[in-house]
Amino acid sequence: MIDLQKVARGADVFLDLAGVVIGSLMLVIGVETYRDGGSMGWPIAGSVLLLINLWVASRRFVRRGRSTPSP
């Protein structure tokens, strides 16, 4: 039988880490676009997206690192 909680937990961690990768790519592409004469909004949006995704991922790993109290 498939353990749906384990699958959901794995998908949740994957999506948190994928968000950091996507934010990094958007920041890099935004800086390149800005250097080629594009809008300043692209690097700003990329940096905001990256910071938000880093915050979400760090909250997950801090929560996961805490030990649960034993009864």
C-alpha atoms as a PDB file:
ATOM      1  CA  MET A   1       0.000   0.000   0.000  1.00  0.00           C
ATOM      2  CA  ILE A   2       1.223   3.512  -0.774  1.00  0.00           C
ATOM      3  CA  ASP A   3       1.886   5.770   2.209  1.00  0.00           C
ATOM      4  CA  LEU A   4       0.311   9.046   1.067  1.00  0.00           C
ATOM      5  CA  GLN A   5       1.780  11.063   3.931  1.00  0.00           C
ATOM      6  CA  LYS A   6       5.300  10.050   2.935  1.00  0.00           C
ATOM      7  CA  VAL A   7       4.641  10.918  -0.714  1.00  0.00           C
ATOM      8  CA  ALA A   8       3.123  14.292   0.232  1.00  0.00           C
ATOM      9  CA  ARG A   9       6.044  15.093   2.545  1.00  0.00           C
ATOM     10  CA  GLY A  10       8.551  14.262  -0.189  1.00  0.00           C
ATOM     11  CA  ALA A  11       6.672  16.354  -2.739  1.00  0.00           C
ATOM     12  CA  ASP A  12       6.514  19.253  -0.287  1.00  0.00           C
ATOM     13  CA  VAL A  13      10.279  19.196   0.300  1.00  0.00           C
ATOM     14  CA  PHE A  14      10.925  18.910  -3.440  1.00  0.00           C
ATOM     15  CA  LEU A  15       8.717  21.913  -4.192  1.00  0.00           C
ATOM     16  CA  ASP A  16      10.450  24.005  -1.503  1.00  0.00           C
ATOM     17  CA  LEU A  17      13.847  23.250  -3.010  1.00  0.00           C
ATOM     18  CA  ALA A  18      12.607  23.721  -6.567  1.00  0.00           C
ATOM     19  CA  GLY A  19      11.350  27.183  -5.582  1.00  0.00           C
ATOM     20  CA  VAL A  20      14.884  28.192  -4.577  1.00  0.00           C
ATOM     21  CA  VAL A  21      16.225  26.974  -7.919  1.00  0.00           C
ATOM     22  CA  ILE A  22      13.514  28.802  -9.867  1.00  0.00           C
ATOM     23  CA  GLY A  23      14.119  32.005  -7.897  1.00  0.00           C
ATOM     24  CA  SER A  24      17.852  31.787  -8.616  1.00  0.00           C
ATOM     25  CA  LEU A  25      17.241  31.265 -12.318  1.00  0.00           C
ATOM     26  CA  MET A  26      14.819  34.185 -12.457  1.00  0.00           C
ATOM     27  CA  LEU A  27      17.365  36.427 -10.732  1.00  0.00           C
ATOM     28  CA  VAL A  28      20.128  35.443 -13.180  1.00  0.00           C
ATOM     29  CA  ILE A  29      17.881  35.905 -16.212  1.00  0.00           C
ATOM     30  CA  GLY A  30      16.622  39.213 -14.796  1.00  0.00           C
ATOM     31  CA  VAL A  31      20.151  40.560 -14.381  1.00  0.00           C
ATOM     32  CA  GLU A  32      21.041  39.488 -17.941  1.00  0.00           C
ATOM     33  CA  THR A  33      17.879  41.123 -19.269  1.00  0.00           C
ATOM     34  CA  TYR A  34      18.648  44.326 -17.363  1.00  0.00           C
ATOM     35  CA  ARG A  35      22.197  44.411 -18.764  1.00  0.00           C
ATOM     36  CA  ASP A  36      20.764  44.088 -22.275  1.00  0.00           C
ATOM     37  CA  GLY A  37      18.587  47.169 -21.714  1.00  0.00           C
ATOM     38  CA  GLY A  38      15.553  45.587 -20.107  1.00  0.00           C
ATOM     39  CA  SER A  39      13.481  46.722 -17.162  1.00  0.00           C
ATOM     40  CA  MET A  40      14.852  46.931 -13.621  1.00  0.00           C
ATOM     41  CA  GLY A  41      11.728  45.061 -12.494  1.00  0.00           C
ATOM     42  CA  TRP A  42      13.092  41.662 -13.591  1.00  0.00           C
ATOM     43  CA  PRO A  43      16.097  41.598 -11.213  1.00  0.00           C
ATOM     44  CA  ILE A  44      13.937  43.002  -8.411  1.00  0.00           C
ATOM     45  CA  ALA A  45      11.254  40.349  -8.962  1.00  0.00           C
ATOM     46  CA  GLY A  46      13.908  37.614  -9.145  1.00  0.00           C
ATOM     47  CA  SER A  47      15.559  38.706  -5.912  1.00  0.00           C
ATOM     48  CA  VAL A  48      12.220  38.966  -4.090  1.00  0.00           C
ATOM     49  CA  LEU A  49      11.187  35.514  -5.314  1.00  0.00           C
ATOM     50  CA  LEU A  50      14.551  34.048  -4.291  1.00  0.00           C
ATOM     51  CA  LEU A  51      14.421  35.605  -0.824  1.00  0.00           C
ATOM     52  CA  ILE A  52      10.875  34.390  -0.198  1.00  0.00           C
ATOM     53  CA  ASN A  53      11.741  30.858  -1.301  1.00  0.00           C
ATOM     54  CA  LEU A  54      14.897  30.841   0.836  1.00  0.00           C
ATOM     55  CA  TRP A  55      12.843  31.974   3.826  1.00  0.00           C
ATOM     56  CA  VAL A  56      10.279  29.203   3.268  1.00  0.00           C
ATOM     57  CA  ALA A  57      12.960  26.539   2.836  1.00  0.00           C
ATOM     58  CA  SER A  58      14.906  27.715   5.881  1.00  0.00           C
ATOM     59  CA  ARG A  59      11.765  27.607   8.044  1.00  0.00           C
ATOM     60  CA  ARG A  60      11.184  24.019   6.949  1.00  0.00           C
ATOM     61  CA  PHE A  61      14.717  22.882   7.762  1.00  0.00           C
ATOM     62  CA  VAL A  62      14.812  24.724  11.104  1.00  0.00           C
ATOM     63  CA  ARG A  63      11.514  23.108  12.090  1.00  0.00           C
ATOM     64  CA  ARG A  64      12.778  19.741  10.945  1.00  0.00           C
ATOM     65  CA  GLY A  65      16.010  20.088  12.924  1.00  0.00           C
ATOM     66  CA  ARG A  66      14.252  20.608  16.218  1.00  0.00           C
ATOM     67  CA  SER A  67      14.006  17.512  18.310  1.00  0.00           C
ATOM     68  CA  THR A  68      10.579  16.452  19.441  1.00  0.00           C
ATOM     69  CA  PRO A  69      10.183  16.176  23.204  1.00  0.00           C
ATOM     70  CA  SER A  70       9.776  12.642  24.403  1.00  0.00           C
ATOM     71  CA  PRO A  71       7.045  11.858  26.951  1.00  0.00           C
END
